[in-house]
N, C-alpha and C. Protein backbone atom coordinates (compact mmCIF):
# COMPACT_ATOMS: atom_id res chain seq x y z
N UNK A 1 24.73 98.09 118.83
CA UNK A 1 23.92 99.11 119.45
C UNK A 1 24.76 100.29 119.90
N UNK A 2 25.92 100.00 120.48
CA UNK A 2 26.77 101.05 121.01
C UNK A 2 27.19 102.06 119.96
N UNK A 3 27.45 101.59 118.75
CA UNK A 3 27.89 102.51 117.70
C UNK A 3 26.76 103.42 117.24
N UNK A 4 25.52 102.94 117.29
CA UNK A 4 24.39 103.78 116.90
C UNK A 4 24.21 104.90 117.90
N UNK A 5 24.31 104.58 119.18
CA UNK A 5 24.21 105.60 120.23
C UNK A 5 25.36 106.59 120.11
N UNK A 6 26.53 106.08 119.85
CA UNK A 6 27.71 106.93 119.69
C UNK A 6 27.54 107.87 118.50
N UNK A 7 27.08 107.34 117.38
CA UNK A 7 26.88 108.17 116.19
C UNK A 7 25.78 109.20 116.41
N UNK A 8 24.76 108.81 117.15
CA UNK A 8 23.68 109.75 117.45
C UNK A 8 24.18 110.89 118.32
N UNK A 9 25.02 110.58 119.28
CA UNK A 9 25.56 111.65 120.15
C UNK A 9 26.51 112.56 119.38
N UNK A 10 27.27 112.00 118.45
CA UNK A 10 28.15 112.81 117.61
C UNK A 10 27.32 113.72 116.72
N UNK A 11 26.28 113.19 116.14
CA UNK A 11 25.40 113.99 115.28
C UNK A 11 24.74 115.11 116.09
N UNK A 12 24.33 114.79 117.29
CA UNK A 12 23.73 115.80 118.17
C UNK A 12 24.73 116.92 118.47
N UNK A 13 25.96 116.54 118.73
CA UNK A 13 27.02 117.53 118.99
C UNK A 13 27.26 118.41 117.76
N UNK A 14 27.26 117.81 116.59
CA UNK A 14 27.44 118.57 115.35
C UNK A 14 26.32 119.60 115.19
N UNK A 15 25.10 119.20 115.48
CA UNK A 15 23.97 120.12 115.38
C UNK A 15 24.08 121.26 116.39
N UNK A 16 24.56 120.96 117.59
CA UNK A 16 24.77 122.00 118.60
C UNK A 16 25.83 123.00 118.13
N UNK A 17 26.89 122.49 117.53
CA UNK A 17 27.96 123.35 117.02
C UNK A 17 27.43 124.25 115.91
N UNK A 18 26.63 123.68 115.01
CA UNK A 18 26.04 124.49 113.93
C UNK A 18 25.17 125.61 114.50
N UNK A 19 24.41 125.30 115.55
CA UNK A 19 23.59 126.33 116.20
C UNK A 19 24.46 127.43 116.82
N UNK A 20 25.56 127.02 117.46
CA UNK A 20 26.47 128.00 118.06
C UNK A 20 27.06 128.93 116.99
N UNK A 21 27.44 128.35 115.87
CA UNK A 21 28.01 129.14 114.77
C UNK A 21 26.97 130.13 114.26
N UNK A 22 25.74 129.69 114.08
CA UNK A 22 24.67 130.58 113.63
C UNK A 22 24.43 131.71 114.62
N UNK A 23 24.45 131.38 115.91
CA UNK A 23 24.23 132.40 116.93
C UNK A 23 25.33 133.45 116.91
N UNK A 24 26.56 133.02 116.75
CA UNK A 24 27.67 133.96 116.71
C UNK A 24 27.56 134.85 115.48
N UNK A 25 27.25 134.25 114.33
CA UNK A 25 27.15 135.03 113.10
C UNK A 25 25.98 136.00 113.12
N UNK A 26 24.98 135.76 113.95
CA UNK A 26 23.84 136.65 114.07
C UNK A 26 23.94 137.56 115.30
N UNK A 27 25.02 137.43 116.05
CA UNK A 27 25.22 138.24 117.24
C UNK A 27 25.24 139.73 116.87
N UNK A 28 24.48 140.52 117.60
CA UNK A 28 24.37 141.94 117.25
C UNK A 28 25.71 142.66 117.31
N UNK A 29 26.55 142.31 118.27
CA UNK A 29 27.86 142.95 118.38
C UNK A 29 28.73 142.61 117.17
N UNK A 30 28.73 141.34 116.79
CA UNK A 30 29.51 140.90 115.63
C UNK A 30 29.03 141.61 114.37
N UNK A 31 27.72 141.69 114.19
CA UNK A 31 27.17 142.36 113.01
C UNK A 31 27.49 143.85 113.01
N UNK A 32 27.45 144.49 114.17
CA UNK A 32 27.80 145.92 114.25
C UNK A 32 29.28 146.13 113.92
N UNK A 33 30.13 145.22 114.38
CA UNK A 33 31.55 145.31 114.07
C UNK A 33 31.76 145.20 112.57
N UNK A 34 31.14 144.21 111.95
CA UNK A 34 31.29 144.02 110.50
C UNK A 34 30.78 145.24 109.72
N UNK A 35 29.62 145.74 110.12
CA UNK A 35 29.03 146.89 109.43
C UNK A 35 29.90 148.13 109.58
N UNK A 36 30.37 148.39 110.79
CA UNK A 36 31.20 149.57 111.03
C UNK A 36 32.53 149.47 110.30
N UNK A 37 33.12 148.29 110.31
CA UNK A 37 34.37 148.08 109.60
C UNK A 37 34.19 148.31 108.11
N UNK A 38 33.13 147.78 107.56
CA UNK A 38 32.85 147.97 106.13
C UNK A 38 32.66 149.45 105.82
N UNK A 39 31.90 150.14 106.66
CA UNK A 39 31.66 151.57 106.43
C UNK A 39 32.96 152.37 106.49
N UNK A 40 33.81 152.08 107.45
CA UNK A 40 35.07 152.82 107.56
C UNK A 40 36.02 152.52 106.41
N UNK A 41 36.05 151.28 105.97
CA UNK A 41 36.96 150.91 104.89
C UNK A 41 36.48 151.43 103.53
N UNK A 42 35.19 151.68 103.41
CA UNK A 42 34.64 152.11 102.12
C UNK A 42 34.44 153.61 102.01
N UNK A 43 34.93 154.38 102.95
CA UNK A 43 34.79 155.83 102.88
C UNK A 43 35.69 156.34 101.77
N UNK A 44 35.10 157.02 100.80
CA UNK A 44 35.87 157.49 99.65
C UNK A 44 35.78 159.00 99.46
N UNK A 45 34.57 159.50 99.31
CA UNK A 45 34.41 160.92 99.02
C UNK A 45 33.39 161.53 99.98
N UNK A 46 33.33 162.84 99.97
CA UNK A 46 32.34 163.52 100.80
C UNK A 46 33.00 164.23 101.97
N UNK A 47 32.29 164.26 103.07
CA UNK A 47 32.73 164.94 104.28
C UNK A 47 34.11 164.41 104.71
N UNK A 48 35.02 165.31 105.08
CA UNK A 48 36.34 164.85 105.50
C UNK A 48 36.32 164.13 106.85
N UNK A 49 35.19 164.20 107.55
CA UNK A 49 35.06 163.51 108.83
C UNK A 49 34.03 162.40 108.72
N UNK A 50 34.27 161.35 109.48
CA UNK A 50 33.37 160.20 109.52
C UNK A 50 33.03 159.94 110.98
N UNK A 51 31.76 159.68 111.24
CA UNK A 51 31.33 159.32 112.59
C UNK A 51 31.03 157.83 112.60
N UNK A 52 31.58 157.14 113.60
CA UNK A 52 31.40 155.70 113.71
C UNK A 52 31.38 155.31 115.18
N UNK A 53 30.76 154.17 115.49
CA UNK A 53 30.81 153.69 116.87
C UNK A 53 32.26 153.37 117.26
N UNK A 54 32.58 153.65 118.49
CA UNK A 54 33.92 153.32 118.99
C UNK A 54 34.05 151.81 119.08
N UNK A 55 35.15 151.24 118.63
CA UNK A 55 35.31 149.78 118.71
C UNK A 55 35.40 149.28 120.16
N UNK A 56 35.76 150.17 121.08
CA UNK A 56 35.88 149.77 122.48
C UNK A 56 34.56 149.87 123.22
N UNK A 57 33.69 150.80 122.80
CA UNK A 57 32.38 150.99 123.39
C UNK A 57 31.42 151.35 122.27
N UNK A 58 30.68 150.37 121.79
CA UNK A 58 29.85 150.57 120.61
C UNK A 58 28.71 151.57 120.83
N UNK A 59 28.44 151.94 122.08
CA UNK A 59 27.40 152.92 122.36
C UNK A 59 27.91 154.35 122.23
N UNK A 60 29.22 154.50 122.18
CA UNK A 60 29.85 155.81 122.04
C UNK A 60 30.33 155.96 120.60
N UNK A 61 30.08 157.13 120.03
CA UNK A 61 30.53 157.39 118.66
C UNK A 61 31.75 158.29 118.67
N UNK A 62 32.62 158.06 117.71
CA UNK A 62 33.82 158.89 117.56
C UNK A 62 33.79 159.55 116.19
N UNK A 63 34.34 160.74 116.13
CA UNK A 63 34.42 161.47 114.87
C UNK A 63 35.87 161.38 114.39
N UNK A 64 36.05 160.83 113.21
CA UNK A 64 37.39 160.57 112.69
C UNK A 64 37.59 161.30 111.37
N UNK A 65 38.79 161.79 111.20
CA UNK A 65 39.16 162.40 109.93
C UNK A 65 39.54 161.28 108.96
N UNK A 66 39.02 161.36 107.75
CA UNK A 66 39.34 160.33 106.75
C UNK A 66 40.84 160.25 106.55
N UNK A 67 41.31 159.00 106.36
CA UNK A 67 42.72 158.70 106.09
C UNK A 67 43.67 159.18 107.18
N UNK A 68 43.16 159.41 108.38
CA UNK A 68 44.02 159.85 109.48
C UNK A 68 44.58 158.64 110.22
N UNK A 69 45.55 158.91 111.05
CA UNK A 69 46.15 157.85 111.86
C UNK A 69 45.10 157.26 112.81
N UNK A 70 44.25 158.14 113.37
CA UNK A 70 43.21 157.67 114.28
C UNK A 70 42.22 156.74 113.57
N UNK A 71 41.91 157.06 112.33
CA UNK A 71 40.98 156.21 111.57
C UNK A 71 41.62 154.85 111.29
N UNK A 72 42.90 154.86 110.94
CA UNK A 72 43.59 153.59 110.70
C UNK A 72 43.66 152.76 111.97
N UNK A 73 43.89 153.41 113.11
CA UNK A 73 43.91 152.69 114.39
C UNK A 73 42.54 152.13 114.74
N UNK A 74 41.49 152.90 114.45
CA UNK A 74 40.13 152.44 114.71
C UNK A 74 39.81 151.23 113.84
N UNK A 75 40.17 151.29 112.58
CA UNK A 75 39.96 150.14 111.68
C UNK A 75 40.73 148.93 112.20
N UNK A 76 41.94 149.15 112.65
CA UNK A 76 42.75 148.06 113.19
C UNK A 76 42.08 147.43 114.42
N UNK A 77 41.53 148.26 115.31
CA UNK A 77 40.84 147.73 116.50
C UNK A 77 39.59 146.96 116.09
N UNK A 78 38.88 147.46 115.07
CA UNK A 78 37.72 146.71 114.57
C UNK A 78 38.14 145.36 114.02
N UNK A 79 39.23 145.33 113.30
CA UNK A 79 39.72 144.05 112.76
C UNK A 79 40.09 143.08 113.88
N UNK A 80 40.68 143.61 114.96
CA UNK A 80 41.00 142.77 116.10
C UNK A 80 39.74 142.18 116.72
N UNK A 81 38.72 143.01 116.89
CA UNK A 81 37.44 142.54 117.46
C UNK A 81 36.81 141.50 116.53
N UNK A 82 36.89 141.76 115.22
CA UNK A 82 36.34 140.81 114.25
C UNK A 82 37.09 139.48 114.33
N UNK A 83 38.39 139.54 114.44
CA UNK A 83 39.18 138.30 114.49
C UNK A 83 38.89 137.49 115.74
N UNK A 84 38.52 138.15 116.85
CA UNK A 84 38.14 137.42 118.06
C UNK A 84 36.93 136.53 117.78
N UNK A 85 35.93 137.10 117.11
CA UNK A 85 34.74 136.32 116.77
C UNK A 85 35.09 135.23 115.77
N UNK A 86 35.90 135.56 114.78
CA UNK A 86 36.23 134.58 113.74
C UNK A 86 37.08 133.44 114.27
N UNK A 87 37.90 133.70 115.28
CA UNK A 87 38.66 132.61 115.89
C UNK A 87 37.73 131.60 116.55
N UNK A 88 36.71 132.11 117.22
CA UNK A 88 35.73 131.22 117.85
C UNK A 88 34.99 130.42 116.78
N UNK A 89 34.58 131.09 115.72
CA UNK A 89 33.87 130.41 114.62
C UNK A 89 34.77 129.35 113.99
N UNK A 90 36.03 129.67 113.77
CA UNK A 90 36.96 128.70 113.17
C UNK A 90 37.17 127.50 114.07
N UNK A 91 37.28 127.73 115.38
CA UNK A 91 37.43 126.60 116.32
C UNK A 91 36.20 125.69 116.25
N UNK A 92 35.03 126.31 116.17
CA UNK A 92 33.81 125.52 116.09
C UNK A 92 33.75 124.73 114.78
N UNK A 93 34.13 125.37 113.67
CA UNK A 93 34.16 124.66 112.39
C UNK A 93 35.14 123.48 112.43
N UNK A 94 36.29 123.69 113.05
CA UNK A 94 37.28 122.60 113.15
C UNK A 94 36.74 121.46 114.00
N UNK A 95 36.08 121.81 115.11
CA UNK A 95 35.49 120.78 115.96
C UNK A 95 34.42 120.01 115.19
N UNK A 96 33.62 120.75 114.45
CA UNK A 96 32.55 120.12 113.65
C UNK A 96 33.15 119.18 112.61
N UNK A 97 34.21 119.63 111.95
CA UNK A 97 34.87 118.81 110.93
C UNK A 97 35.42 117.51 111.54
N UNK A 98 36.04 117.63 112.70
CA UNK A 98 36.57 116.44 113.37
C UNK A 98 35.46 115.46 113.74
N UNK A 99 34.34 115.99 114.22
CA UNK A 99 33.22 115.12 114.56
C UNK A 99 32.64 114.47 113.30
N UNK A 100 32.56 115.21 112.21
CA UNK A 100 32.04 114.63 110.96
C UNK A 100 32.95 113.51 110.48
N UNK A 101 34.26 113.69 110.65
CA UNK A 101 35.19 112.62 110.25
C UNK A 101 34.98 111.39 111.10
N UNK A 102 34.74 111.59 112.41
CA UNK A 102 34.46 110.44 113.28
C UNK A 102 33.15 109.78 112.88
N UNK A 103 32.16 110.59 112.56
CA UNK A 103 30.84 110.06 112.22
C UNK A 103 30.87 109.21 110.96
N UNK A 104 31.62 109.67 109.96
CA UNK A 104 31.64 108.99 108.66
C UNK A 104 32.85 108.09 108.46
N UNK A 105 33.61 107.87 109.52
CA UNK A 105 34.81 107.02 109.40
C UNK A 105 34.44 105.56 109.49
């Protein structure tokens, strides 16, 4: 009996982790970071200036010159913000993997 209860609690924890991962991936801030980063990295032709949300305050927009030092720094800050979210997601995936190994061991 004890192992069934234990396996049920492990499975419940796995489901909670999956929900947390989904919530993070659907988080509006995370999605805005991904979208802004993609837009800045894909700027090729057109206006020499690009307007994008500031990575430090997404409600404020900054005007950046393409291929400028400021634009590279902004992209770098976006990557840092993205990596913060991805570190959390990776920790959750690792926790989930460990629980799955316990469940199926």
